[in-house]
Amino acid sequence: MWRPLNKLFFWGIFSSLTLQKAALDCDTTRTNKLLSPSLDSETKVVSRGQNVSLICSNQNKSLRITYALFRHEKHLRTHDGKGEPMIFNLSISEAHELGPYKCKAQVPNCSVIKYSREFNFTFVDPVITPVLNIHVINIKTDRHIILRCISFNGSLPITYTFFEKDIAISQPISKHVREPAELNITKNNAREGEEYRCKAKNKLPDHERYSQPVFINPPPGGDSCPFCLQLLLPGLLLVLIVIIPILAFWILPKYKARKAMREKAPRNYGNTAMEVGIYANICENQAVKESVPGSEPRQCVPTAQDGTGHSQEIHYATPVFQEVAPGVHEVYDYKTGYVYSELIL
């Protein structure tokens, strides 16, 4: 009868020792191998409604660990894993969802628990498309270009970068207040147009924005070739100095020769009695011979004799002037100021 009791007693003692050893092993595992987990994310800044991932992991890869995620004191999710980190996917829409978050690590069948450090997200408003303004000042052979870029929305600080076509021409310029970033450059006047744009970004990753490209046309006229006019002016003056004497020596002799030919050429005005005839005023001779006191003067009939001996008569009329009332038969010329009267023959 004592033998079964002894077996039962020894089995109880063995089980108790086994349980104590297991508990000791759990405590030893906790002390030596279970470390505090780490909680991290790919980004700490988010925009409203953005999906994020929190990663909870432990350096011990041999233990099977249960991970639990908390926000404030609220339990969110639990995952079991061994050797690999646990990923918790969340969506951040409200301010209270920014954190703080904690991750709890626990080995099954053990009362040992380790917590990670707190993790918080930060809301960042994305930048909008920036505006690029350009002011150009032409100074002789150079042009001074002032570039100004600003994004009117987005959480500060905002970093700006300027580009000429696709090549960055400035270091990132960070602005902690809402004011434009400015870049001053001086370039030689180019024959081709230039294209500029700028980029704005803040702490929110993958949300940079580019401005619309702004084109600068080359200066009009000779400004595109600043030394061309300086080189052409002496050449033009030299050409004029050579051409003017040549034209003078070539045209002046021809002008003199033509003038001499005109002077030597015989003048022909036609066979008129006025050119070759011998004029005789018969009226004058008759007036002397036949003048009678008290008689009216006779109409004079001059004659002209040409080279062939033929005589031609030229008739003249004697005008008779009468006194009339002012304004009668008169015409006033307003342009010249003369007054014309009607002549009665």
C-alpha atoms as a PDB file:
ATOM      1  CA  MET A   1       0.000   0.000   0.000  1.00  0.00           C
ATOM      2  CA  TRP A   2       2.856   2.376   0.686  1.00  0.00           C
ATOM      3  CA  ARG A   3       4.452   1.759  -2.653  1.00  0.00           C
ATOM      4  CA  PRO A   4       1.794   3.564  -4.788  1.00  0.00           C
ATOM      5  CA  LEU A   5       1.796   6.472  -2.346  1.00  0.00           C
ATOM      6  CA  ASN A   6       5.555   6.778  -2.560  1.00  0.00           C
ATOM      7  CA  LYS A   7       5.377   6.868  -6.361  1.00  0.00           C
ATOM      8  CA  LEU A   8       2.772   9.568  -6.259  1.00  0.00           C
ATOM      9  CA  PHE A   9       4.801  11.616  -3.807  1.00  0.00           C
ATOM     10  CA  PHE A  10       7.957  11.401  -5.865  1.00  0.00           C
ATOM     11  CA  TRP A  11       6.037  12.354  -9.059  1.00  0.00           C
ATOM     12  CA  GLY A  12       4.674  15.435  -7.392  1.00  0.00           C
ATOM     13  CA  ILE A  13       8.107  16.482  -6.225  1.00  0.00           C
ATOM     14  CA  PHE A  14       9.519  15.947  -9.771  1.00  0.00           C
ATOM     15  CA  SER A  15       6.734  17.980 -11.405  1.00  0.00           C
ATOM     16  CA  SER A  16       7.228  20.822  -8.968  1.00  0.00           C
ATOM     17  CA  LEU A  17      10.934  20.923  -9.661  1.00  0.00           C
ATOM     18  CA  THR A  18      10.265  20.858 -13.409  1.00  0.00           C
ATOM     19  CA  LEU A  19       7.891  23.810 -13.183  1.00  0.00           C
ATOM     20  CA  GLN A  20      10.321  25.772 -11.056  1.00  0.00           C
ATOM     21  CA  LYS A  21      13.086  25.062 -13.563  1.00  0.00           C
ATOM     22  CA  ALA A  22      10.835  26.248 -16.444  1.00  0.00           C
ATOM     23  CA  ALA A  23      10.010  29.417 -14.563  1.00  0.00           C
ATOM     24  CA  LEU A  24      13.701  29.941 -13.884  1.00  0.00           C
ATOM     25  CA  ASP A  25      14.461  29.390 -17.568  1.00  0.00           C
ATOM     26  CA  CYS A  26      11.787  32.001 -18.524  1.00  0.00           C
ATOM     27  CA  ASP A  27      13.299  34.504 -16.102  1.00  0.00           C
ATOM     28  CA  THR A  28      16.790  33.761 -17.419  1.00  0.00           C
ATOM     29  CA  THR A  29      15.567  34.211 -20.999  1.00  0.00           C
ATOM     30  CA  ARG A  30      13.992  37.520 -20.078  1.00  0.00           C
ATOM     31  CA  THR A  31      17.117  38.743 -18.354  1.00  0.00           C
ATOM     32  CA  ASN A  32      19.648  37.681 -20.959  1.00  0.00           C
ATOM     33  CA  LYS A  33      17.845  37.561 -24.330  1.00  0.00           C
ATOM     34  CA  LEU A  34      14.639  39.603 -24.424  1.00  0.00           C
ATOM     35  CA  LEU A  35      15.515  43.227 -25.151  1.00  0.00           C
ATOM     36  CA  SER A  36      13.295  46.270 -25.507  1.00  0.00           C
ATOM     37  CA  PRO A  37      11.752  46.395 -28.990  1.00  0.00           C
ATOM     38  CA  SER A  38      12.248  49.317 -31.394  1.00  0.00           C
ATOM     39  CA  LEU A  39       9.370  51.148 -33.058  1.00  0.00           C
ATOM     40  CA  ASP A  40      10.017  53.149 -36.206  1.00  0.00           C
ATOM     41  CA  SER A  41       8.499  54.281 -39.500  1.00  0.00           C
ATOM     42  CA  GLU A  42       9.768  55.281 -42.920  1.00  0.00           C
ATOM     43  CA  THR A  43       8.698  58.871 -42.257  1.00  0.00           C
ATOM     44  CA  LYS A  44       7.784  60.983 -39.265  1.00  0.00           C
ATOM     45  CA  VAL A  45       5.959  63.663 -41.243  1.00  0.00           C
ATOM     46  CA  VAL A  46       2.627  62.925 -42.898  1.00  0.00           C
ATOM     47  CA  SER A  47      -0.197  64.716 -44.637  1.00  0.00           C
ATOM     48  CA  ARG A  48      -3.817  64.300 -43.640  1.00  0.00           C
ATOM     49  CA  GLY A  49      -5.281  60.997 -44.784  1.00  0.00           C
ATOM     50  CA  GLN A  50      -1.876  59.477 -45.531  1.00  0.00           C
ATOM     51  CA  ASN A  51      -1.283  55.753 -45.046  1.00  0.00           C
ATOM     52  CA  VAL A  52       1.760  54.907 -42.939  1.00  0.00           C
ATOM     53  CA  SER A  53       3.490  51.797 -41.603  1.00  0.00           C
ATOM     54  CA  LEU A  54       4.901  51.304 -38.085  1.00  0.00           C
ATOM     55  CA  ILE A  55       7.608  48.648 -37.736  1.00  0.00           C
ATOM     56  CA  CYS A  56       8.157  46.879 -34.383  1.00  0.00           C
ATOM     57  CA  SER A  57      11.215  44.632 -34.100  1.00  0.00           C
ATOM     58  CA  ASN A  58      13.571  42.963 -31.610  1.00  0.00           C
ATOM     59  CA  GLN A  59      17.235  42.171 -31.912  1.00  0.00           C
ATOM     60  CA  ASN A  60      16.673  38.595 -30.696  1.00  0.00           C
ATOM     61  CA  LYS A  61      15.885  36.468 -33.742  1.00  0.00           C
ATOM     62  CA  SER A  62      15.586  33.100 -31.971  1.00  0.00           C
ATOM     63  CA  LEU A  63      12.678  33.775 -29.623  1.00  0.00           C
ATOM     64  CA  ARG A  64       9.054  33.686 -30.574  1.00  0.00           C
ATOM     65  CA  ILE A  65       7.687  37.053 -29.512  1.00  0.00           C
ATOM     66  CA  THR A  66       4.217  38.517 -29.342  1.00  0.00           C
ATOM     67  CA  TYR A  67       4.068  42.181 -30.400  1.00  0.00           C
ATOM     68  CA  ALA A  68       1.244  44.526 -29.438  1.00  0.00           C
ATOM     69  CA  LEU A  69       0.770  48.132 -30.679  1.00  0.00           C
ATOM     70  CA  PHE A  70      -0.707  50.847 -28.454  1.00  0.00           C
ATOM     71  CA  ARG A  71      -1.702  54.482 -29.089  1.00  0.00           C
ATOM     72  CA  HIS A  72      -1.760  56.355 -25.818  1.00  0.00           C
ATOM     73  CA  GLU A  73      -3.196  53.585 -23.586  1.00  0.00           C
ATOM     74  CA  LYS A  74      -5.426  52.098 -26.253  1.00  0.00           C
ATOM     75  CA  HIS A  75      -4.538  48.671 -27.624  1.00  0.00           C
ATOM     76  CA  LEU A  76      -4.710  48.616 -31.449  1.00  0.00           C
ATOM     77  CA  ARG A  77      -3.372  45.287 -32.785  1.00  0.00           C
ATOM     78  CA  THR A  78      -1.352  42.211 -31.862  1.00  0.00           C
ATOM     79  CA  HIS A  79       0.962  40.041 -34.013  1.00  0.00           C
ATOM     80  CA  ASP A  80       3.137  37.004 -33.271  1.00  0.00           C
ATOM     81  CA  GLY A  81       6.441  36.455 -34.981  1.00  0.00           C
ATOM     82  CA  LYS A  82       9.877  34.914 -34.734  1.00  0.00           C
ATOM     83  CA  GLY A  83      12.959  36.477 -36.221  1.00  0.00           C
ATOM     84  CA  GLU A  84      11.165  39.025 -38.404  1.00  0.00           C
ATOM     85  CA  PRO A  85       9.794  42.502 -37.553  1.00  0.00           C
ATOM     86  CA  MET A  86       6.086  43.139 -37.294  1.00  0.00           C
ATOM     87  CA  ILE A  87       4.496  45.782 -39.557  1.00  0.00           C
ATOM     88  CA  PHE A  88       1.383  47.690 -38.481  1.00  0.00           C
ATOM     89  CA  ASN A  89      -0.399  49.651 -41.263  1.00  0.00           C
ATOM     90  CA  LEU A  90      -2.332  52.761 -40.227  1.00  0.00           C
ATOM     91  CA  SER A  91      -4.053  55.813 -41.723  1.00  0.00           C
ATOM     92  CA  ILE A  92      -3.456  59.226 -40.157  1.00  0.00           C
ATOM     93  CA  SER A  93      -6.361  61.655 -40.595  1.00  0.00           C
ATOM     94  CA  GLU A  94      -6.867  63.398 -37.256  1.00  0.00           C
ATOM     95  CA  ALA A  95      -4.550  65.123 -34.829  1.00  0.00           C
ATOM     96  CA  HIS A  96      -5.088  62.555 -32.075  1.00  0.00           C
ATOM     97  CA  GLU A  97      -3.867  59.828 -34.462  1.00  0.00           C
ATOM     98  CA  LEU A  98      -0.395  61.364 -34.567  1.00  0.00           C
ATOM     99  CA  GLY A  99       0.618  59.507 -31.379  1.00  0.00           C
ATOM    100  CA  PRO A 100       2.314  58.717 -29.180  1.00  0.00           C
ATOM    101  CA  TYR A 101       2.613  55.037 -30.191  1.00  0.00           C
ATOM    102  CA  LYS A 102       4.262  52.200 -28.223  1.00  0.00           C
ATOM    103  CA  CYS A 103       5.132  48.617 -29.046  1.00  0.00           C
ATOM    104  CA  LYS A 104       5.018  45.832 -26.402  1.00  0.00           C
ATOM    105  CA  ALA A 105       7.114  42.651 -26.767  1.00  0.00           C
ATOM    106  CA  GLN A 106       6.362  39.503 -24.736  1.00  0.00           C
ATOM    107  CA  VAL A 107       7.613  35.899 -24.864  1.00  0.00           C
ATOM    108  CA  PRO A 108       4.710  33.378 -24.697  1.00  0.00           C
ATOM    109  CA  ASN A 109       4.229  31.639 -21.319  1.00  0.00           C
ATOM    110  CA  CYS A 110       6.378  34.288 -19.656  1.00  0.00           C
ATOM    111  CA  SER A 111       5.267  37.264 -17.650  1.00  0.00           C
ATOM    112  CA  VAL A 112       8.207  39.352 -18.868  1.00  0.00           C
ATOM    113  CA  ILE A 113       7.136  42.391 -20.940  1.00  0.00           C
ATOM    114  CA  LYS A 114       9.296  44.997 -22.659  1.00  0.00           C
ATOM    115  CA  TYR A 115       8.092  48.303 -24.197  1.00  0.00           C
ATOM    116  CA  SER A 116       9.578  50.405 -26.944  1.00  0.00           C
ATOM    117  CA  ARG A 117      10.126  54.137 -26.856  1.00  0.00           C
ATOM    118  CA  GLU A 118       7.267  56.419 -27.861  1.00  0.00           C
ATOM    119  CA  PHE A 119       6.893  57.384 -31.512  1.00  0.00           C
ATOM    120  CA  ASN A 120       4.994  60.418 -32.844  1.00  0.00           C
ATOM    121  CA  PHE A 121       3.998  61.615 -36.296  1.00  0.00           C
ATOM    122  CA  THR A 122       3.839  65.253 -37.384  1.00  0.00           C
ATOM    123  CA  PHE A 123       1.328  66.803 -39.776  1.00  0.00           C
ATOM    124  CA  VAL A 124       2.900  68.682 -42.712  1.00  0.00           C
ATOM    125  CA  ASP A 125       0.848  70.468 -45.371  1.00  0.00           C
ATOM    126  CA  PRO A 126       2.218  69.766 -48.856  1.00  0.00           C
ATOM    127  CA  VAL A 127       3.600  72.631 -50.908  1.00  0.00           C
ATOM    128  CA  ILE A 128       1.708  73.853 -53.944  1.00  0.00           C
ATOM    129  CA  THR A 129       3.184  74.742 -57.324  1.00  0.00           C
ATOM    130  CA  PRO A 130       5.609  77.628 -56.789  1.00  0.00           C
ATOM    131  CA  VAL A 131       5.609  80.859 -58.786  1.00  0.00           C
ATOM    132  CA  LEU A 132       8.792  82.006 -60.526  1.00  0.00           C
ATOM    133  CA  ASN A 133       9.356  85.686 -61.342  1.00  0.00           C
ATOM    134  CA  ILE A 134      12.299  86.938 -63.392  1.00  0.00           C
ATOM    135  CA  HIS A 135      13.660  90.479 -63.717  1.00  0.00           C
ATOM    136  CA  VAL A 136      16.317  91.188 -66.364  1.00  0.00           C
ATOM    137  CA  ILE A 137      18.645  94.209 -66.419  1.00  0.00           C
ATOM    138  CA  ASN A 138      20.794  94.650 -69.545  1.00  0.00           C
ATOM    139  CA  ILE A 139      24.128  96.316 -68.785  1.00  0.00           C
ATOM    140  CA  LYS A 140      26.277  96.867 -71.887  1.00  0.00           C
ATOM    141  CA  THR A 141      27.491  93.420 -72.934  1.00  0.00           C
ATOM    142  CA  ASP A 142      26.097  91.608 -69.855  1.00  0.00           C
ATOM    143  CA  ARG A 143      22.666  90.906 -68.468  1.00  0.00           C
ATOM    144  CA  HIS A 144      21.824  90.792 -64.768  1.00  0.00           C
ATOM    145  CA  ILE A 145      19.072  88.262 -63.976  1.00  0.00           C
ATOM    146  CA  ILE A 146      17.130  88.207 -60.684  1.00  0.00           C
ATOM    147  CA  LEU A 147      15.134  85.012 -60.018  1.00  0.00           C
ATOM    148  CA  ARG A 148      12.478  84.897 -57.269  1.00  0.00           C
ATOM    149  CA  CYS A 149      10.540  81.721 -56.324  1.00  0.00           C
ATOM    150  CA  ILE A 150       7.789  81.262 -53.725  1.00  0.00           C
ATOM    151  CA  SER A 151       5.132  78.676 -52.810  1.00  0.00           C
ATOM    152  CA  PHE A 152       2.109  80.297 -51.182  1.00  0.00           C
ATOM    153  CA  ASN A 153       1.000  77.169 -49.300  1.00  0.00           C
ATOM    154  CA  GLY A 154       2.757  74.382 -47.448  1.00  0.00           C
ATOM    155  CA  SER A 155       4.262  73.849 -44.017  1.00  0.00           C
ATOM    156  CA  LEU A 156       7.507  75.648 -43.293  1.00  0.00           C
ATOM    157  CA  PRO A 157      10.409  75.413 -43.701  1.00  0.00           C
ATOM    158  CA  ILE A 158      10.373  75.211 -47.504  1.00  0.00           C
ATOM    159  CA  THR A 159      13.490  74.536 -49.557  1.00  0.00           C
ATOM    160  CA  TYR A 160      13.849  76.096 -53.028  1.00  0.00           C
ATOM    161  CA  THR A 161      16.176  75.115 -55.872  1.00  0.00           C
ATOM    162  CA  PHE A 162      16.628  76.992 -59.172  1.00  0.00           C
ATOM    163  CA  PHE A 163      17.166  75.292 -62.533  1.00  0.00           C
ATOM    164  CA  GLU A 164      18.247  76.375 -65.999  1.00  0.00           C
ATOM    165  CA  LYS A 165      16.447  73.881 -68.185  1.00  0.00           C
ATOM    166  CA  ASP A 166      17.165  70.614 -66.272  1.00  0.00           C
ATOM    167  CA  ILE A 167      20.424  71.675 -64.617  1.00  0.00           C
ATOM    168  CA  ALA A 168      20.450  72.984 -61.048  1.00  0.00           C
ATOM    169  CA  ILE A 169      22.146  76.385 -60.861  1.00  0.00           C
ATOM    170  CA  SER A 170      21.828  76.939 -57.104  1.00  0.00           C
ATOM    171  CA  GLN A 171      22.213  75.170 -53.806  1.00  0.00           C
ATOM    172  CA  PRO A 172      18.987  74.430 -51.881  1.00  0.00           C
ATOM    173  CA  ILE A 173      17.757  77.655 -50.254  1.00  0.00           C
ATOM    174  CA  SER A 174      15.737  77.057 -47.066  1.00  0.00           C
ATOM    175  CA  LYS A 175      13.095  79.572 -45.968  1.00  0.00           C
ATOM    176  CA  HIS A 176      11.565  79.454 -42.459  1.00  0.00           C
ATOM    177  CA  VAL A 177       9.193  82.342 -43.222  1.00  0.00           C
ATOM    178  CA  ARG A 178       6.777  82.861 -46.096  1.00  0.00           C
ATOM    179  CA  GLU A 179       9.024  84.882 -48.423  1.00  0.00           C
ATOM    180  CA  PRO A 180      10.497  84.237 -51.875  1.00  0.00           C
ATOM    181  CA  ALA A 181      13.906  82.701 -52.359  1.00  0.00           C
ATOM    182  CA  GLU A 182      16.130  84.895 -54.540  1.00  0.00           C
ATOM    183  CA  LEU A 183      19.015  84.111 -56.866  1.00  0.00           C
ATOM    184  CA  ASN A 184      21.122  86.722 -58.684  1.00  0.00           C
ATOM    185  CA  ILE A 185      23.190  85.738 -61.705  1.00  0.00           C
ATOM    186  CA  THR A 186      25.150  87.703 -64.303  1.00  0.00           C
ATOM    187  CA  LYS A 187      25.633  86.320 -67.798  1.00  0.00           C
ATOM    188  CA  ASN A 188      26.931  87.491 -71.147  1.00  0.00           C
ATOM    189  CA  ASN A 189      24.233  88.378 -73.648  1.00  0.00           C
ATOM    190  CA  ALA A 190      23.405  85.151 -75.463  1.00  0.00           C
ATOM    191  CA  ARG A 191      22.095  84.687 -78.974  1.00  0.00           C
ATOM    192  CA  GLU A 192      19.656  81.979 -77.859  1.00  0.00           C
ATOM    193  CA  GLY A 193      16.759  82.156 -75.419  1.00  0.00           C
ATOM    194  CA  GLU A 194      17.053  80.833 -71.876  1.00  0.00           C
ATOM    195  CA  GLU A 195      14.635  78.707 -69.842  1.00  0.00           C
ATOM    196  CA  TYR A 196      14.399  78.817 -66.035  1.00  0.00           C
ATOM    197  CA  ARG A 197      12.237  77.116 -63.401  1.00  0.00           C
ATOM    198  CA  CYS A 198      12.355  76.385 -59.663  1.00  0.00           C
ATOM    199  CA  LYS A 199      11.471  73.540 -57.281  1.00  0.00           C
ATOM    200  CA  ALA A 200       9.825  73.802 -53.843  1.00  0.00           C
ATOM    201  CA  LYS A 201       9.713  71.059 -51.198  1.00  0.00           C
ATOM    202  CA  ASN A 202       9.343  70.748 -47.439  1.00  0.00           C
ATOM    203  CA  LYS A 203       9.777  67.863 -44.992  1.00  0.00           C
ATOM    204  CA  LEU A 204       6.990  65.895 -46.627  1.00  0.00           C
ATOM    205  CA  PRO A 205       8.767  63.316 -48.809  1.00  0.00           C
ATOM    206  CA  ASP A 206       7.895  62.799 -52.476  1.00  0.00           C
ATOM    207  CA  HIS A 207       5.830  65.968 -52.625  1.00  0.00           C
ATOM    208  CA  GLU A 208       8.154  68.441 -54.348  1.00  0.00           C
ATOM    209  CA  ARG A 209       6.591  70.773 -56.893  1.00  0.00           C
ATOM    210  CA  TYR A 210       8.079  72.551 -59.948  1.00  0.00           C
ATOM    211  CA  SER A 211       7.115  75.957 -61.278  1.00  0.00           C
ATOM    212  CA  GLN A 212       6.108  76.630 -64.855  1.00  0.00           C
ATOM    213  CA  PRO A 213       9.145  77.329 -67.060  1.00  0.00           C
ATOM    214  CA  VAL A 214       9.901  80.972 -67.775  1.00  0.00           C
ATOM    215  CA  PHE A 215      11.654  81.896 -71.042  1.00  0.00           C
ATOM    216  CA  ILE A 216      13.983  84.858 -71.593  1.00  0.00           C
ATOM    217  CA  ASN A 217      14.354  85.945 -75.203  1.00  0.00           C
ATOM    218  CA  PRO A 218      17.720  87.216 -76.488  1.00  0.00           C
ATOM    219  CA  PRO A 219      18.163  90.999 -76.642  1.00  0.00           C
ATOM    220  CA  PRO A 220      16.803  92.534 -79.886  1.00  0.00           C
ATOM    221  CA  GLY A 221      19.034  93.791 -82.669  1.00  0.00           C
ATOM    222  CA  GLY A 222      22.734  94.104 -82.150  1.00  0.00           C
ATOM    223  CA  ASP A 223      22.624  93.247 -78.479  1.00  0.00           C
ATOM    224  CA  SER A 224      22.977  89.605 -79.405  1.00  0.00           C
ATOM    225  CA  CYS A 225      26.357  90.429 -80.925  1.00  0.00           C
ATOM    226  CA  PRO A 226      27.741  93.225 -78.755  1.00  0.00           C
ATOM    227  CA  PHE A 227      31.049  93.622 -80.606  1.00  0.00           C
ATOM    228  CA  CYS A 228      29.615  93.387 -84.133  1.00  0.00           C
ATOM    229  CA  LEU A 229      28.571  97.045 -84.264  1.00  0.00           C
ATOM    230  CA  GLN A 230      31.912  98.205 -82.909  1.00  0.00           C
ATOM    231  CA  LEU A 231      33.668  96.212 -85.623  1.00  0.00           C
ATOM    232  CA  LEU A 232      31.359  97.321 -88.442  1.00  0.00           C
ATOM    233  CA  LEU A 233      31.447 101.060 -87.770  1.00  0.00           C
ATOM    234  CA  PRO A 234      35.148 101.562 -88.699  1.00  0.00           C
ATOM    235  CA  GLY A 235      34.650  99.429 -91.794  1.00  0.00           C
ATOM    236  CA  LEU A 236      31.619 101.447 -92.897  1.00  0.00           C
ATOM    237  CA  LEU A 237      33.475 104.709 -92.383  1.00  0.00           C
ATOM    238  CA  LEU A 238      36.408 103.440 -94.423  1.00  0.00           C
ATOM    239  CA  VAL A 239      34.105 102.370 -97.265  1.00  0.00           C
ATOM    240  CA  LEU A 240      32.416 105.778 -97.295  1.00  0.00           C
ATOM    241  CA  ILE A 241      35.772 107.573 -97.339  1.00  0.00           C
ATOM    242  CA  VAL A 242      36.794 105.546-100.399  1.00  0.00           C
ATOM    243  CA  ILE A 243      33.482 105.680-102.289  1.00  0.00           C
ATOM    244  CA  ILE A 244      32.768 109.415-101.943  1.00  0.00           C
ATOM    245  CA  PRO A 245      35.964 110.602-103.754  1.00  0.00           C
ATOM    246  CA  ILE A 246      35.481 107.982-106.470  1.00  0.00           C
ATOM    247  CA  LEU A 247      31.928 109.161-107.101  1.00  0.00           C
ATOM    248  CA  ALA A 248      33.067 112.810-107.055  1.00  0.00           C
ATOM    249  CA  PHE A 249      35.849 112.254-109.620  1.00  0.00           C
ATOM    250  CA  TRP A 250      33.570 110.121-111.796  1.00  0.00           C
ATOM    251  CA  ILE A 251      30.432 112.262-111.789  1.00  0.00           C
ATOM    252  CA  LEU A 252      31.995 115.756-111.882  1.00  0.00           C
ATOM    253  CA  PRO A 253      33.780 115.351-115.284  1.00  0.00           C
ATOM    254  CA  LYS A 254      30.614 113.952-116.852  1.00  0.00           C
ATOM    255  CA  TYR A 255      28.606 116.889-115.521  1.00  0.00           C
ATOM    256  CA  LYS A 256      31.083 119.414-116.897  1.00  0.00           C
ATOM    257  CA  ALA A 257      31.183 117.680-120.299  1.00  0.00           C
ATOM    258  CA  ARG A 258      27.395 117.689-120.606  1.00  0.00           C
ATOM    259  CA  LYS A 259      27.245 121.360-119.611  1.00  0.00           C
ATOM    260  CA  ALA A 260      29.829 122.286-122.276  1.00  0.00           C
ATOM    261  CA  MET A 261      27.907 120.356-124.945  1.00  0.00           C
ATOM    262  CA  ARG A 262      24.729 122.229-124.092  1.00  0.00           C
ATOM    263  CA  GLU A 263      26.478 125.583-124.365  1.00  0.00           C
ATOM    264  CA  LYS A 264      28.013 124.779-127.811  1.00  0.00           C
ATOM    265  CA  ALA A 265      24.812 123.416-129.335  1.00  0.00           C
ATOM    266  CA  PRO A 266      23.004 125.897-131.821  1.00  0.00           C
ATOM    267  CA  ARG A 267      19.745 127.305-130.590  1.00  0.00           C
ATOM    268  CA  ASN A 268      16.764 126.885-132.979  1.00  0.00           C
ATOM    269  CA  TYR A 269      13.602 128.692-132.030  1.00  0.00           C
ATOM    270  CA  GLY A 270      11.832 128.311-135.419  1.00  0.00           C
ATOM    271  CA  ASN A 271      11.449 130.626-138.486  1.00  0.00           C
ATOM    272  CA  THR A 272       9.352 133.290-136.918  1.00  0.00           C
ATOM    273  CA  ALA A 273       9.256 136.929-137.822  1.00  0.00           C
ATOM    274  CA  MET A 274      10.268 137.779-134.238  1.00  0.00           C
ATOM    275  CA  GLU A 275      13.620 135.930-134.658  1.00  0.00           C
ATOM    276  CA  VAL A 276      14.872 136.948-138.120  1.00  0.00           C
ATOM    277  CA  GLY A 277      12.645 139.742-139.222  1.00  0.00           C
ATOM    278  CA  ILE A 278      13.308 143.414-139.167  1.00  0.00           C
ATOM    279  CA  TYR A 279      10.657 145.140-137.275  1.00  0.00           C
ATOM    280  CA  ALA A 280       9.356 148.502-138.272  1.00  0.00           C
ATOM    281  CA  ASN A 281       6.870 150.377-136.324  1.00  0.00           C
ATOM    282  CA  ILE A 282       4.822 152.000-139.042  1.00  0.00           C
ATOM    283  CA  CYS A 283       2.563 153.507-136.458  1.00  0.00           C
ATOM    284  CA  GLU A 284       5.350 155.707-135.129  1.00  0.00           C
ATOM    285  CA  ASN A 285       6.273 157.078-138.607  1.00  0.00           C
ATOM    286  CA  GLN A 286       2.677 157.783-139.533  1.00  0.00           C
ATOM    287  CA  ALA A 287       2.025 159.429-136.186  1.00  0.00           C
ATOM    288  CA  VAL A 288       4.744 161.950-136.937  1.00  0.00           C
ATOM    289  CA  LYS A 289       3.744 162.632-140.542  1.00  0.00           C
ATOM    290  CA  GLU A 290      -0.067 162.576-140.294  1.00  0.00           C
ATOM    291  CA  SER A 291      -0.740 163.854-136.848  1.00  0.00           C
ATOM    292  CA  VAL A 292      -3.715 166.240-136.879  1.00  0.00           C
ATOM    293  CA  PRO A 293      -4.560 168.288-133.828  1.00  0.00           C
ATOM    294  CA  GLY A 294      -7.816 167.250-132.199  1.00  0.00           C
ATOM    295  CA  SER A 295      -8.080 163.968-134.050  1.00  0.00           C
ATOM    296  CA  GLU A 296      -8.192 160.543-132.357  1.00  0.00           C
ATOM    297  CA  PRO A 297      -5.065 158.436-132.487  1.00  0.00           C
ATOM    298  CA  ARG A 298      -5.061 155.795-135.151  1.00  0.00           C
ATOM    299  CA  GLN A 299      -4.567 152.144-134.420  1.00  0.00           C
ATOM    300  CA  CYS A 300      -0.916 151.187-134.845  1.00  0.00           C
ATOM    301  CA  VAL A 301      -0.083 148.340-137.215  1.00  0.00           C
ATOM    302  CA  PRO A 302       3.569 147.299-136.803  1.00  0.00           C
ATOM    303  CA  THR A 303       5.127 145.164-139.501  1.00  0.00           C
ATOM    304  CA  ALA A 304       7.998 142.705-139.381  1.00  0.00           C
ATOM    305  CA  GLN A 305      10.178 141.568-142.288  1.00  0.00           C
ATOM    306  CA  ASP A 306      11.750 138.103-142.235  1.00  0.00           C
ATOM    307  CA  GLY A 307      14.815 136.866-144.064  1.00  0.00           C
ATOM    308  CA  THR A 308      12.889 136.168-147.301  1.00  0.00           C
ATOM    309  CA  GLY A 309      11.756 139.786-147.612  1.00  0.00           C
ATOM    310  CA  HIS A 310       8.112 139.078-146.787  1.00  0.00           C
ATOM    311  CA  SER A 311       6.393 141.405-144.432  1.00  0.00           C
ATOM    312  CA  GLN A 312       3.965 140.383-141.720  1.00  0.00           C
ATOM    313  CA  GLU A 313       1.599 142.630-139.837  1.00  0.00           C
ATOM    314  CA  ILE A 314       1.262 142.521-136.072  1.00  0.00           C
ATOM    315  CA  HIS A 315      -1.869 144.143-134.694  1.00  0.00           C
ATOM    316  CA  TYR A 316      -1.960 145.773-131.281  1.00  0.00           C
ATOM    317  CA  ALA A 317      -4.940 147.069-129.366  1.00  0.00           C
ATOM    318  CA  THR A 318      -4.978 150.218-127.251  1.00  0.00           C
ATOM    319  CA  PRO A 319      -6.710 149.695-123.877  1.00  0.00           C
ATOM    320  CA  VAL A 320      -9.207 152.283-122.684  1.00  0.00           C
ATOM    321  CA  PHE A 321      -9.522 152.773-118.931  1.00  0.00           C
ATOM    322  CA  GLN A 322     -12.703 154.142-117.386  1.00  0.00           C
ATOM    323  CA  GLU A 323     -13.407 155.138-113.837  1.00  0.00           C
ATOM    324  CA  VAL A 324     -16.109 153.011-112.277  1.00  0.00           C
ATOM    325  CA  ALA A 325     -17.652 152.771-108.881  1.00  0.00           C
ATOM    326  CA  PRO A 326     -15.600 150.831-106.311  1.00  0.00           C
ATOM    327  CA  GLY A 327     -16.477 147.165-106.102  1.00  0.00           C
ATOM    328  CA  VAL A 328     -17.923 146.933-109.564  1.00  0.00           C
ATOM    329  CA  HIS A 329     -16.310 144.379-111.829  1.00  0.00           C
ATOM    330  CA  GLU A 330     -13.596 143.765-109.237  1.00  0.00           C
ATOM    331  CA  VAL A 331     -12.221 140.439-107.974  1.00  0.00           C
ATOM    332  CA  TYR A 332     -10.195 140.183-104.752  1.00  0.00           C
ATOM    333  CA  ASP A 333      -7.527 137.476-104.461  1.00  0.00           C
ATOM    334  CA  TYR A 334      -7.287 136.534-100.776  1.00  0.00           C
ATOM    335  CA  LYS A 335      -4.080 134.577-101.216  1.00  0.00           C
ATOM    336  CA  THR A 336      -2.015 137.341-102.820  1.00  0.00           C
ATOM    337  CA  GLY A 337      -3.962 140.364-101.619  1.00  0.00           C
ATOM    338  CA  TYR A 338      -4.359 141.763-105.189  1.00  0.00           C
ATOM    339  CA  VAL A 339      -7.562 143.370-106.590  1.00  0.00           C
ATOM    340  CA  TYR A 340      -8.356 142.619-110.235  1.00  0.00           C
ATOM    341  CA  SER A 341     -10.692 144.783-112.430  1.00  0.00           C
ATOM    342  CA  GLU A 342     -12.342 143.948-115.722  1.00  0.00           C
ATOM    343  CA  LEU A 343     -10.456 145.325-118.749  1.00  0.00           C
ATOM    344  CA  ILE A 344     -12.641 146.570-121.633  1.00  0.00           C
ATOM    345  CA  LEU A 345     -10.908 146.727-125.061  1.00  0.00           C
END
